[in-house]
């Protein structure tokens, strides 16, 4: 339960060692660069934008080539490829690939050019297919569409609106151009939407004939061909075949580059790392012969790194404590169990300066509530075994994924415990199977009680656990007040609320309302009842008088205090929120029992057994998935809203060290001896 203490490391060194120092710091990945000095007449910052963009472009080129290779020759991956993590390579392998980087970039450009050439061929095929589509209606025309006619005649080709007949065309010509004689009309194709036709007339009548037809909707084709349409179609189809052959050849050429896939990954990471180095290089204040790099570093690493740099390079490495007004980045450090829950805290917000890391305290409640919600030993065992095997089988998975799987592993173990306490094993599967197939009902005993038989008992315990959870949060708030020396805040904002809440709880327990809910009667000694009234009254009065203590206006002070006292309804709402422990715990068992009951309704024969197994597998898989998601969501909600709301604000900045942020592979880390 800690936030790593940070210090500032400042290194002033000669420019001749700049490359080696930066590469070493990047390899170690423990320093977040954050300069405290700006430019002046002695120290300037160099413009590295051009070089950085060049490296980024090279990395993008390699990435693009890899994407192209993946399209044409997909890399064989297992179904657990996402868990395998980045490939680990030796420094020697990385160095050999680096020496080939120019040839690899050339190969990447060739892959890109081949892909572009293939795209052009595909575009050409689309164009040819469109041409065939526009040519198809004219296939019945056995003369070239651009036929120039004879010495005295000319041919007009075009379309008329659907439903047009030869007789109607003659009527249009007779009405609009009666002077035209000797016209021959040939309908090539008649469709519902258009009629394709060819008209032969005297050359001197061509313009008048076309003008007359246009008044009735005549239109020339958008594309004309020199030859006979059927011959043109065969020619276009031959071109398509040629294009497809070229595409096949291009794809074969691209596939030949698959042997460079791993090297392209390494070279992409190399240029990506180089680009990040030049980002930092552009931030460094530099004089004619020296440079300065400064930033945040964990205290546990600071002296070791400073000593190493001082011993191996001609530089001055100074470690100093942070100033009071500095807001350093945050690194959480917890025990192996609690570390798996750090992602939950990070998703809410890292602690700011002065706050404690709530991960350890939260982690116990998190696992406790998760198991209580899922509450089936068989389900918990499945979750724990699957997550444990995956963590063991894939040691190089990403840190975030590993934390998530460990989180569900511990939650699975908690679910096993709660399942044994509640007697839940795939719901009531033991009872169903033993009664259906063996004729005798065998009920595994619950070490505590069966929630389906005593739901109100589970509700009371859910609310009790909720009160403990909320009081823990309020207690942490009190600890933070004492830690910061805020004695008055501790008394007014914590002690008075404890007095009021404890008093109200003690008054509620012997009441008839509690007796009707719990089906039990609690009788306190008269002295304890009097103490409860005193605590509640004193707490309420203190809250009304002291909550608005920052204001000097008495009326406003009382009004603010009364408003704060109204927040007791918020506490009631928060406590009732823990009834979701009851709801989700019962939901898991009820749905599981319904699934088992559905399977038991089948006949007791071979077919019945087969369908029973199918219903069992599908039903319980869905039930596990749904309730696993529900337990995760609602456990987070109890932490974020009810628990953190009592003491925690968050808003800290995560630690972003200068390191080798690779995408595909990692080079074996070097250590400081």
Foldseek 3Di string as FASTA:
>chain_A
DFWFAKWKKKKKAWPVCVVVLLVQQQLVQFWDFDDPDADDPFWDFDDLVVVLVVLLVLLVLLVVLLVLLCVLPNDDDDPCNLFQAFAADAPVVLVVLVVCSVVSSVVSVVSVVLVVVLVVLVVLLVVLVVVLVLLVLQLQPQWFQCDQDDPWKGKAKWKAAAPDDPVVLVVLCCVQPVVFDDKDKAFSDGDRGITIIMIMGTPVCVVSSVVSVVVRPTDHRPDGDGGRSVVVNVVSVVSNVVSVVSSVVSSVVSNVCVVCSVSSQSSSLVSVLVSLSSVQSSRWTDGPTMIMTMGMGRPVCQVLSQVLCVVPGVMHMDIGHDDPPDWHAIDDDDDPQLVLCVVLVVVLFAFTPLAGGCSVVLSVVLLQLLLLLLQALQLLVVLLVVLVCSCVVRVNGDPNVNSPSSSSNSSSVSNNVSNLQQQHHLQQLQQLCCCLPVVDGDGRDHVHYHCVVPVLVVLVVLLVVLVVLLLVLLVSQLVSCVVVVNVLCSCQVRVLVVLQVVLVVLLPQQDVVVCVSNVDHDDDPPVSNVSSVVSNVSSLVSQLQPVQVVDPPRVVSNVSSVVVSVCVVVVVVLSSLSCSSSVSSVQLNVQSVVLSVVLSVADPDPVSVVVSVVSSVVSNVVSSVVSSVVSVVSSSVNCSPRRCVNHHDHDGHHDRGSYSPRDHHDYPRDDRD
